[in-house]
Amino acid sequence: AGYVPTLNAEQADVLVVNTCGFIEAARRESLETMLGLASGL
């Protein structure tokens, strides 16, 4: 569609986190990842 990938979250216009919800430990990791990214948006 014309969007360009980047490995640097700070350079991105849109950030996508593909979460895991299988068990509690996986959800905790997903939440920590999302909160970490959200804090720098």
PDB file of all heavy atoms in Angstrom:
ATOM      1  N   ALA A   1       0.815  -1.215   0.000  1.00  0.00           N
ATOM      2  CA  ALA A   1       0.000   0.000   0.000  1.00  0.00           C
ATOM      3  C   ALA A   1       0.850   1.267   0.000  1.00  0.00           C
ATOM      4  O   ALA A   1       0.294   2.370  -0.012  1.00  0.00           O
ATOM      5  CB  ALA A   1      -0.924   0.004   1.209  1.00  0.00           C
ATOM      6  N   GLY A   2       2.167   1.131   0.041  1.00  0.00           N
ATOM      7  CA  GLY A   2       3.035   2.298  -0.040  1.00  0.00           C
ATOM      8  C   GLY A   2       3.679   2.706   1.264  1.00  0.00           C
ATOM      9  O   GLY A   2       4.497   3.641   1.283  1.00  0.00           O
ATOM     10  N   TYR A   3       3.348   2.048   2.365  1.00  0.00           N
ATOM     11  CA  TYR A   3       4.016   2.338   3.631  1.00  0.00           C
ATOM     12  C   TYR A   3       5.396   1.686   3.640  1.00  0.00           C
ATOM     13  O   TYR A   3       5.620   0.651   3.003  1.00  0.00           O
ATOM     14  CB  TYR A   3       3.183   1.821   4.811  1.00  0.00           C
ATOM     15  CG  TYR A   3       1.882   2.573   5.006  1.00  0.00           C
ATOM     16  CD1 TYR A   3       0.711   2.148   4.378  1.00  0.00           C
ATOM     17  CD2 TYR A   3       1.820   3.707   5.805  1.00  0.00           C
ATOM     18  CE1 TYR A   3      -0.491   2.828   4.548  1.00  0.00           C
ATOM     19  CE2 TYR A   3       0.630   4.389   5.995  1.00  0.00           C
ATOM     20  CZ  TYR A   3      -0.521   3.949   5.361  1.00  0.00           C
ATOM     21  OH  TYR A   3      -1.697   4.638   5.521  1.00  0.00           O
ATOM     22  N   VAL A   4       6.326   2.269   4.368  1.00  0.00           N
ATOM     23  CA  VAL A   4       7.724   1.835   4.355  1.00  0.00           C
ATOM     24  C   VAL A   4       8.102   1.312   5.741  1.00  0.00           C
ATOM     25  O   VAL A   4       7.862   1.996   6.745  1.00  0.00           O
ATOM     26  CB  VAL A   4       8.652   3.007   3.956  1.00  0.00           C
ATOM     27  CG1 VAL A   4      10.118   2.581   4.042  1.00  0.00           C
ATOM     28  CG2 VAL A   4       8.312   3.488   2.553  1.00  0.00           C
ATOM     29  N   PRO A   5       8.703   0.110   5.835  1.00  0.00           N
ATOM     30  CA  PRO A   5       9.066  -0.428   7.150  1.00  0.00           C
ATOM     31  C   PRO A   5      10.283   0.267   7.744  1.00  0.00           C
ATOM     32  O   PRO A   5      11.152   0.758   7.022  1.00  0.00           O
ATOM     33  CB  PRO A   5       9.375  -1.897   6.853  1.00  0.00           C
ATOM     34  CG  PRO A   5       9.837  -1.894   5.423  1.00  0.00           C
ATOM     35  CD  PRO A   5       9.031  -0.822   4.740  1.00  0.00           C
ATOM     36  N   THR A   6      10.336   0.306   9.062  1.00  0.00           N
ATOM     37  CA  THR A   6      11.504   0.793   9.780  1.00  0.00           C
ATOM     38  C   THR A   6      11.715  -0.060  11.017  1.00  0.00           C
ATOM     39  O   THR A   6      10.747  -0.560  11.608  1.00  0.00           O
ATOM     40  CB  THR A   6      11.360   2.271  10.180  1.00  0.00           C
ATOM     41  OG1 THR A   6      12.522   2.670  10.929  1.00  0.00           O
ATOM     42  CG2 THR A   6      10.127   2.502  11.042  1.00  0.00           C
ATOM     43  N   LEU A   7      12.967  -0.244  11.397  1.00  0.00           N
ATOM     44  CA  LEU A   7      13.288  -0.988  12.620  1.00  0.00           C
ATOM     45  C   LEU A   7      13.412  -0.069  13.818  1.00  0.00           C
ATOM     46  O   LEU A   7      13.664  -0.523  14.931  1.00  0.00           O
ATOM     47  CB  LEU A   7      14.595  -1.770  12.425  1.00  0.00           C
ATOM     48  CG  LEU A   7      14.577  -2.840  11.331  1.00  0.00           C
ATOM     49  CD1 LEU A   7      15.951  -3.493  11.206  1.00  0.00           C
ATOM     50  CD2 LEU A   7      13.517  -3.885  11.611  1.00  0.00           C
ATOM     51  N   ASN A   8      13.221   1.222  13.597  1.00  0.00           N
ATOM     52  CA  ASN A   8      13.353   2.226  14.654  1.00  0.00           C
ATOM     53  C   ASN A   8      11.974   2.787  14.983  1.00  0.00           C
ATOM     54  O   ASN A   8      11.366   3.486  14.166  1.00  0.00           O
ATOM     55  CB  ASN A   8      14.296   3.342  14.196  1.00  0.00           C
ATOM     56  CG  ASN A   8      14.618   4.312  15.322  1.00  0.00           C
ATOM     57  OD1 ASN A   8      13.847   4.480  16.261  1.00  0.00           O
ATOM     58  ND2 ASN A   8      15.769   4.958  15.218  1.00  0.00           N
ATOM     59  N   ALA A   9      11.469   2.476  16.173  1.00  0.00           N
ATOM     60  CA  ALA A   9      10.126   2.923  16.547  1.00  0.00           C
ATOM     61  C   ALA A   9      10.014   4.441  16.538  1.00  0.00           C
ATOM     62  O   ALA A   9       8.949   4.993  16.229  1.00  0.00           O
ATOM     63  CB  ALA A   9       9.758   2.377  17.927  1.00  0.00           C
ATOM     64  N   GLU A  10      11.088   5.147  16.872  1.00  0.00           N
ATOM     65  CA  GLU A  10      11.037   6.608  16.912  1.00  0.00           C
ATOM     66  C   GLU A  10      10.828   7.203  15.528  1.00  0.00           C
ATOM     67  O   GLU A  10      10.278   8.301  15.401  1.00  0.00           O
ATOM     68  CB  GLU A  10      12.323   7.155  17.521  1.00  0.00           C
ATOM     69  CG  GLU A  10      12.516   6.801  18.989  1.00  0.00           C
ATOM     70  CD  GLU A  10      13.802   7.378  19.559  1.00  0.00           C
ATOM     71  OE1 GLU A  10      14.559   8.019  18.783  1.00  0.00           O
ATOM     72  OE2 GLU A  10      14.053   7.191  20.761  1.00  0.00           O
ATOM     73  N   GLN A  11      11.241   6.487  14.481  1.00  0.00           N
ATOM     74  CA  GLN A  11      11.105   7.000  13.120  1.00  0.00           C
ATOM     75  C   GLN A  11       9.760   6.656  12.497  1.00  0.00           C
ATOM     76  O   GLN A  11       9.435   7.147  11.419  1.00  0.00           O
ATOM     77  CB  GLN A  11      12.222   6.437  12.238  1.00  0.00           C
ATOM     78  CG  GLN A  11      13.616   6.884  12.635  1.00  0.00           C
ATOM     79  CD  GLN A  11      14.696   6.269  11.768  1.00  0.00           C
ATOM     80  OE1 GLN A  11      14.404   5.444  10.892  1.00  0.00           O
ATOM     81  NE2 GLN A  11      15.932   6.661  11.993  1.00  0.00           N
ATOM     82  N   ALA A  12       8.978   5.818  13.161  1.00  0.00           N
ATOM     83  CA  ALA A  12       7.738   5.325  12.578  1.00  0.00           C
ATOM     84  C   ALA A  12       6.603   6.332  12.750  1.00  0.00           C
ATOM     85  O   ALA A  12       6.524   7.041  13.752  1.00  0.00           O
ATOM     86  CB  ALA A  12       7.352   3.994  13.215  1.00  0.00           C
ATOM     87  N   ASP A  13       5.714   6.353  11.761  1.00  0.00           N
ATOM     88  CA  ASP A  13       4.478   7.122  11.884  1.00  0.00           C
ATOM     89  C   ASP A  13       3.391   6.297  12.560  1.00  0.00           C
ATOM     90  O   ASP A  13       2.539   6.845  13.250  1.00  0.00           O
ATOM     91  CB  ASP A  13       4.010   7.572  10.496  1.00  0.00           C
ATOM     92  CG  ASP A  13       5.017   8.489   9.837  1.00  0.00           C
ATOM     93  OD1 ASP A  13       5.106   9.663  10.243  1.00  0.00           O
ATOM     94  OD2 ASP A  13       5.735   8.023   8.941  1.00  0.00           O
ATOM     95  N   VAL A  14       3.434   4.974  12.347  1.00  0.00           N
ATOM     96  CA  VAL A  14       2.483   4.094  13.000  1.00  0.00           C
ATOM     97  C   VAL A  14       3.257   2.918  13.599  1.00  0.00           C
ATOM     98  O   VAL A  14       4.132   2.337  12.954  1.00  0.00           O
ATOM     99  CB  VAL A  14       1.395   3.596  12.030  1.00  0.00           C
ATOM    100  CG1 VAL A  14       1.970   2.855  10.843  1.00  0.00           C
ATOM    101  CG2 VAL A  14       0.370   2.725  12.759  1.00  0.00           C
ATOM    102  N   LEU A  15       2.944   2.586  14.840  1.00  0.00           N
ATOM    103  CA  LEU A  15       3.559   1.466  15.550  1.00  0.00           C
ATOM    104  C   LEU A  15       2.499   0.392  15.760  1.00  0.00           C
ATOM    105  O   LEU A  15       1.382   0.702  16.211  1.00  0.00           O
ATOM    106  CB  LEU A  15       4.128   1.897  16.897  1.00  0.00           C
ATOM    107  CG  LEU A  15       5.403   2.737  16.914  1.00  0.00           C
ATOM    108  CD1 LEU A  15       5.138   4.157  16.413  1.00  0.00           C
ATOM    109  CD2 LEU A  15       5.994   2.803  18.318  1.00  0.00           C
ATOM    110  N   VAL A  16       2.846  -0.849  15.438  1.00  0.00           N
ATOM    111  CA  VAL A  16       1.938  -1.985  15.592  1.00  0.00           C
ATOM    112  C   VAL A  16       2.595  -3.002  16.511  1.00  0.00           C
ATOM    113  O   VAL A  16       3.736  -3.418  16.266  1.00  0.00           O
ATOM    114  CB  VAL A  16       1.611  -2.642  14.235  1.00  0.00           C
ATOM    115  CG1 VAL A  16       0.630  -3.802  14.426  1.00  0.00           C
ATOM    116  CG2 VAL A  16       1.054  -1.614  13.257  1.00  0.00           C
ATOM    117  N   VAL A  17       1.893  -3.419  17.558  1.00  0.00           N
ATOM    118  CA  VAL A  17       2.359  -4.511  18.416  1.00  0.00           C
ATOM    119  C   VAL A  17       1.424  -5.689  18.213  1.00  0.00           C
ATOM    120  O   VAL A  17       0.222  -5.595  18.500  1.00  0.00           O
ATOM    121  CB  VAL A  17       2.402  -4.107  19.902  1.00  0.00           C
ATOM    122  CG1 VAL A  17       2.808  -5.298  20.759  1.00  0.00           C
ATOM    123  CG2 VAL A  17       3.360  -2.950  20.123  1.00  0.00           C
ATOM    124  N   ASN A  18       1.975  -6.779  17.681  1.00  0.00           N
ATOM    125  CA  ASN A  18       1.186  -7.998  17.494  1.00  0.00           C
ATOM    126  C   ASN A  18       1.302  -8.815  18.776  1.00  0.00           C
ATOM    127  O   ASN A  18       2.313  -9.468  19.041  1.00  0.00           O
ATOM    128  CB  ASN A  18       1.699  -8.788  16.293  1.00  0.00           C
ATOM    129  CG  ASN A  18       0.684  -9.789  15.797  1.00  0.00           C
ATOM    130  OD1 ASN A  18      -0.474  -9.776  16.211  1.00  0.00           O
ATOM    131  ND2 ASN A  18       1.094 -10.671  14.905  1.00  0.00           N
ATOM    132  N   THR A  19       0.264  -8.770  19.589  1.00  0.00           N
ATOM    133  CA  THR A  19       0.318  -9.270  20.961  1.00  0.00           C
ATOM    134  C   THR A  19       0.111 -10.772  21.037  1.00  0.00           C
ATOM    135  O   THR A  19      -0.461 -11.403  20.142  1.00  0.00           O
ATOM    136  CB  THR A  19      -0.765  -8.599  21.814  1.00  0.00           C
ATOM    137  OG1 THR A  19      -2.062  -8.952  21.274  1.00  0.00           O
ATOM    138  CG2 THR A  19      -0.612  -7.100  21.816  1.00  0.00           C
ATOM    139  N   CYS A  20       0.553 -11.344  22.153  1.00  0.00           N
ATOM    140  CA  CYS A  20       0.247 -12.728  22.503  1.00  0.00           C
ATOM    141  C   CYS A  20      -0.652 -12.707  23.736  1.00  0.00           C
ATOM    142  O   CYS A  20      -0.368 -12.004  24.702  1.00  0.00           O
ATOM    143  CB  CYS A  20       1.527 -13.504  22.794  1.00  0.00           C
ATOM    144  SG  CYS A  20       1.244 -15.234  23.265  1.00  0.00           S
ATOM    145  N   GLY A  21      -1.725 -13.480  23.712  1.00  0.00           N
ATOM    146  CA  GLY A  21      -2.643 -13.525  24.850  1.00  0.00           C
ATOM    147  C   GLY A  21      -2.851 -14.912  25.382  1.00  0.00           C
ATOM    148  O   GLY A  21      -3.845 -15.188  26.054  1.00  0.00           O
ATOM    149  N   PHE A  22      -1.882 -15.821  25.103  1.00  0.00           N
ATOM    150  CA  PHE A  22      -2.066 -17.231  25.412  1.00  0.00           C
ATOM    151  C   PHE A  22      -2.104 -17.485  26.913  1.00  0.00           C
ATOM    152  O   PHE A  22      -3.010 -18.136  27.425  1.00  0.00           O
ATOM    153  CB  PHE A  22      -0.944 -18.031  24.751  1.00  0.00           C
ATOM    154  CG  PHE A  22      -1.024 -19.507  24.987  1.00  0.00           C
ATOM    155  CD1 PHE A  22      -2.226 -20.189  24.842  1.00  0.00           C
ATOM    156  CD2 PHE A  22       0.101 -20.226  25.346  1.00  0.00           C
ATOM    157  CE1 PHE A  22      -2.304 -21.557  25.059  1.00  0.00           C
ATOM    158  CE2 PHE A  22       0.038 -21.595  25.567  1.00  0.00           C
ATOM    159  CZ  PHE A  22      -1.170 -22.255  25.423  1.00  0.00           C
ATOM    160  N   ILE A  23      -1.111 -16.988  27.636  1.00  0.00           N
ATOM    161  CA  ILE A  23      -1.054 -17.167  29.086  1.00  0.00           C
ATOM    162  C   ILE A  23      -0.695 -15.848  29.744  1.00  0.00           C
ATOM    163  O   ILE A  23      -0.301 -14.885  29.073  1.00  0.00           O
ATOM    164  CB  ILE A  23      -0.031 -18.256  29.495  1.00  0.00           C
ATOM    165  CG1 ILE A  23       1.366 -17.924  28.970  1.00  0.00           C
ATOM    166  CG2 ILE A  23      -0.483 -19.628  29.017  1.00  0.00           C
ATOM    167  CD1 ILE A  23       2.429 -18.909  29.407  1.00  0.00           C
ATOM    168  N   GLU A  24      -0.792 -15.818  31.063  1.00  0.00           N
ATOM    169  CA  GLU A  24      -0.605 -14.566  31.796  1.00  0.00           C
ATOM    170  C   GLU A  24       0.783 -13.981  31.567  1.00  0.00           C
ATOM    171  O   GLU A  24       0.931 -12.767  31.400  1.00  0.00           O
ATOM    172  CB  GLU A  24      -0.850 -14.818  33.289  1.00  0.00           C
ATOM    173  CG  GLU A  24      -0.979 -13.556  34.136  1.00  0.00           C
ATOM    174  CD  GLU A  24       0.359 -12.990  34.575  1.00  0.00           C
ATOM    175  OE1 GLU A  24       1.301 -13.777  34.718  1.00  0.00           O
ATOM    176  OE2 GLU A  24       0.455 -11.760  34.768  1.00  0.00           O
ATOM    177  N   ALA A  25       1.807 -14.819  31.543  1.00  0.00           N
ATOM    178  CA  ALA A  25       3.167 -14.316  31.339  1.00  0.00           C
ATOM    179  C   ALA A  25       3.310 -13.657  29.974  1.00  0.00           C
ATOM    180  O   ALA A  25       3.986 -12.620  29.837  1.00  0.00           O
ATOM    181  CB  ALA A  25       4.176 -15.458  31.477  1.00  0.00           C
ATOM    182  N   ALA A  26       2.667 -14.214  28.959  1.00  0.00           N
ATOM    183  CA  ALA A  26       2.719 -13.621  27.620  1.00  0.00           C
ATOM    184  C   ALA A  26       1.981 -12.292  27.581  1.00  0.00           C
ATOM    185  O   ALA A  26       2.425 -11.332  26.939  1.00  0.00           O
ATOM    186  CB  ALA A  26       2.127 -14.590  26.604  1.00  0.00           C
ATOM    187  N   ARG A  27       0.847 -12.205  28.272  1.00  0.00           N
ATOM    188  CA  ARG A  27       0.121 -10.931  28.312  1.00  0.00           C
ATOM    189  C   ARG A  27       0.930  -9.872  29.049  1.00  0.00           C
ATOM    190  O   ARG A  27       0.929  -8.692  28.657  1.00  0.00           O
ATOM    191  CB  ARG A  27      -1.246 -11.137  28.981  1.00  0.00           C
ATOM    192  CG  ARG A  27      -2.190 -12.001  28.158  1.00  0.00           C
ATOM    193  CD  ARG A  27      -3.616 -11.921  28.701  1.00  0.00           C
ATOM    194  NE  ARG A  27      -3.728 -12.494  30.027  1.00  0.00           N
ATOM    195  CZ  ARG A  27      -3.909 -13.779  30.278  1.00  0.00           C
ATOM    196  NH1 ARG A  27      -3.984 -14.642  29.277  1.00  0.00           N
ATOM    197  NH2 ARG A  27      -4.026 -14.221  31.513  1.00  0.00           N
ATOM    198  N   ARG A  28       1.635 -10.287  30.100  1.00  0.00           N
ATOM    199  CA  ARG A  28       2.465  -9.330  30.833  1.00  0.00           C
ATOM    200  C   ARG A  28       3.568  -8.769  29.928  1.00  0.00           C
ATOM    201  O   ARG A  28       3.832  -7.566  29.932  1.00  0.00           O
ATOM    202  CB  ARG A  28       3.058 -10.003  32.065  1.00  0.00           C
ATOM    203  CG  ARG A  28       3.881  -9.052  32.932  1.00  0.00           C
ATOM    204  CD  ARG A  28       4.188  -9.661  34.298  1.00  0.00           C
ATOM    205  NE  ARG A  28       4.919 -10.918  34.188  1.00  0.00           N
ATOM    206  CZ  ARG A  28       4.424 -12.103  34.508  1.00  0.00           C
ATOM    207  NH1 ARG A  28       3.183 -12.213  34.938  1.00  0.00           N
ATOM    208  NH2 ARG A  28       5.151 -13.204  34.384  1.00  0.00           N
ATOM    209  N   GLU A  29       4.181  -9.654  29.144  1.00  0.00           N
ATOM    210  CA  GLU A  29       5.212  -9.184  28.214  1.00  0.00           C
ATOM    211  C   GLU A  29       4.618  -8.231  27.178  1.00  0.00           C
ATOM    212  O   GLU A  29       5.211  -7.198  26.843  1.00  0.00           O
ATOM    213  CB  GLU A  29       5.867 -10.376  27.508  1.00  0.00           C
ATOM    214  CG  GLU A  29       6.950  -9.958  26.517  1.00  0.00           C
ATOM    215  CD  GLU A  29       7.462 -11.111  25.673  1.00  0.00           C
ATOM    216  OE1 GLU A  29       6.833 -12.186  25.685  1.00  0.00           O
ATOM    217  OE2 GLU A  29       8.500 -10.933  24.991  1.00  0.00           O
ATOM    218  N   SER A  30       3.432  -8.574  26.664  1.00  0.00           N
ATOM    219  CA  SER A  30       2.781  -7.707  25.680  1.00  0.00           C
ATOM    220  C   SER A  30       2.469  -6.346  26.277  1.00  0.00           C
ATOM    221  O   SER A  30       2.692  -5.307  25.643  1.00  0.00           O
ATOM    222  CB  SER A  30       1.493  -8.366  25.171  1.00  0.00           C
ATOM    223  OG  SER A  30       1.753  -9.550  24.450  1.00  0.00           O
ATOM    224  N   LEU A  31       1.948  -6.343  27.512  1.00  0.00           N
ATOM    225  CA  LEU A  31       1.606  -5.074  28.155  1.00  0.00           C
ATOM    226  C   LEU A  31       2.847  -4.229  28.394  1.00  0.00           C
ATOM    227  O   LEU A  31       2.845  -3.011  28.129  1.00  0.00           O
ATOM    228  CB  LEU A  31       0.882  -5.340  29.472  1.00  0.00           C
ATOM    229  CG  LEU A  31       0.409  -4.097  30.240  1.00  0.00           C
ATOM    230  CD1 LEU A  31      -0.586  -3.294  29.409  1.00  0.00           C
ATOM    231  CD2 LEU A  31      -0.207  -4.504  31.581  1.00  0.00           C
ATOM    232  N   GLU A  32       3.922  -4.851  28.883  1.00  0.00           N
ATOM    233  CA  GLU A  32       5.153  -4.102  29.130  1.00  0.00           C
ATOM    234  C   GLU A  32       5.708  -3.516  27.842  1.00  0.00           C
ATOM    235  O   GLU A  32       6.186  -2.377  27.821  1.00  0.00           O
ATOM    236  CB  GLU A  32       6.189  -5.018  29.794  1.00  0.00           C
ATOM    237  CG  GLU A  32       5.834  -5.396  31.228  1.00  0.00           C
ATOM    238  CD  GLU A  32       6.772  -6.459  31.800  1.00  0.00           C
ATOM    239  OE1 GLU A  32       7.615  -6.986  31.030  1.00  0.00           O
ATOM    240  OE2 GLU A  32       6.649  -6.772  33.004  1.00  0.00           O
ATOM    241  N   THR A  33       5.638  -4.283  26.760  1.00  0.00           N
ATOM    242  CA  THR A  33       6.111  -3.780  25.469  1.00  0.00           C
ATOM    243  C   THR A  33       5.293  -2.588  25.011  1.00  0.00           C
ATOM    244  O   THR A  33       5.835  -1.560  24.573  1.00  0.00           O
ATOM    245  CB  THR A  33       6.046  -4.898  24.409  1.00  0.00           C
ATOM    246  OG1 THR A  33       6.890  -5.981  24.804  1.00  0.00           O
ATOM    247  CG2 THR A  33       6.486  -4.383  23.047  1.00  0.00           C
ATOM    248  N   MET A  34       3.963  -2.701  25.115  1.00  0.00           N
ATOM    249  CA  MET A  34       3.107  -1.612  24.655  1.00  0.00           C
ATOM    250  C   MET A  34       3.249  -0.366  25.524  1.00  0.00           C
ATOM    251  O   MET A  34       3.302   0.757  25.011  1.00  0.00           O
ATOM    252  CB  MET A  34       1.648  -2.081  24.609  1.00  0.00           C
ATOM    253  CG  MET A  34       1.368  -3.037  23.456  1.00  0.00           C
ATOM    254  SD  MET A  34      -0.391  -3.448  23.263  1.00  0.00           S
ATOM    255  CE  MET A  34      -0.601  -4.545  24.660  1.00  0.00           C
ATOM    256  N   LEU A  35       3.324  -0.562  26.845  1.00  0.00           N
ATOM    257  CA  LEU A  35       3.492   0.605  27.720  1.00  0.00           C
ATOM    258  C   LEU A  35       4.821   1.303  27.460  1.00  0.00           C
ATOM    259  O   LEU A  35       4.902   2.531  27.478  1.00  0.00           O
ATOM    260  CB  LEU A  35       3.392   0.173  29.188  1.00  0.00           C
ATOM    261  CG  LEU A  35       2.001  -0.232  29.680  1.00  0.00           C
ATOM    262  CD1 LEU A  35       2.072  -0.793  31.102  1.00  0.00           C
ATOM    263  CD2 LEU A  35       1.039   0.952  29.631  1.00  0.00           C
ATOM    264  N   GLY A  36       5.873   0.496  27.204  1.00  0.00           N
ATOM    265  CA  GLY A  36       7.167   1.092  26.907  1.00  0.00           C
ATOM    266  C   GLY A  36       7.134   1.918  25.637  1.00  0.00           C
ATOM    267  O   GLY A  36       7.673   3.029  25.593  1.00  0.00           O
ATOM    268  N   LEU A  37       6.494   1.403  24.602  1.00  0.00           N
ATOM    269  CA  LEU A  37       6.399   2.155  23.349  1.00  0.00           C
ATOM    270  C   LEU A  37       5.494   3.369  23.508  1.00  0.00           C
ATOM    271  O   LEU A  37       5.782   4.455  22.994  1.00  0.00           O
ATOM    272  CB  LEU A  37       5.874   1.248  22.233  1.00  0.00           C
ATOM    273  CG  LEU A  37       6.829   0.154  21.752  1.00  0.00           C
ATOM    274  CD1 LEU A  37       6.105  -0.794  20.802  1.00  0.00           C
ATOM    275  CD2 LEU A  37       8.046   0.767  21.062  1.00  0.00           C
ATOM    276  N   ALA A  38       4.385   3.193  24.234  1.00  0.00           N
ATOM    277  CA  ALA A  38       3.437   4.303  24.401  1.00  0.00           C
ATOM    278  C   ALA A  38       4.064   5.473  25.142  1.00  0.00           C
ATOM    279  O   ALA A  38       3.740   6.639  24.872  1.00  0.00           O
ATOM    280  CB  ALA A  38       2.192   3.814  25.147  1.00  0.00           C
ATOM    281  N   SER A  39       4.984   5.177  26.062  1.00  0.00           N
ATOM    282  CA  SER A  39       5.582   6.258  26.852  1.00  0.00           C
ATOM    283  C   SER A  39       6.425   7.206  26.013  1.00  0.00           C
ATOM    284  O   SER A  39       6.652   8.351  26.401  1.00  0.00           O
ATOM    285  CB  SER A  39       6.448   5.663  27.970  1.00  0.00           C
ATOM    286  OG  SER A  39       7.569   4.976  27.437  1.00  0.00           O
ATOM    287  N   GLY A  40       6.899   6.722  24.864  1.00  0.00           N
ATOM    288  CA  GLY A  40       7.740   7.574  24.026  1.00  0.00           C
ATOM    289  C   GLY A  40       7.061   8.093  22.782  1.00  0.00           C
ATOM    290  O   GLY A  40       7.725   8.678  21.908  1.00  0.00           O
ATOM    291  N   LEU A  41       5.744   7.908  22.656  1.00  0.00           N
ATOM    292  CA  LEU A  41       5.052   8.326  21.443  1.00  0.00           C
ATOM    293  C   LEU A  41       4.975   9.851  21.316  1.00  0.00           C
ATOM    294  O   LEU A  41       4.706  10.557  22.282  1.00  0.00           O
ATOM    295  CB  LEU A  41       3.633   7.760  21.418  1.00  0.00           C
ATOM    296  CG  LEU A  41       3.471   6.263  21.107  1.00  0.00           C
ATOM    297  CD1 LEU A  41       2.007   5.875  21.218  1.00  0.00           C
ATOM    298  CD2 LEU A  41       4.002   5.942  19.717  1.00  0.00           C
TER     299      LEU A  41
END
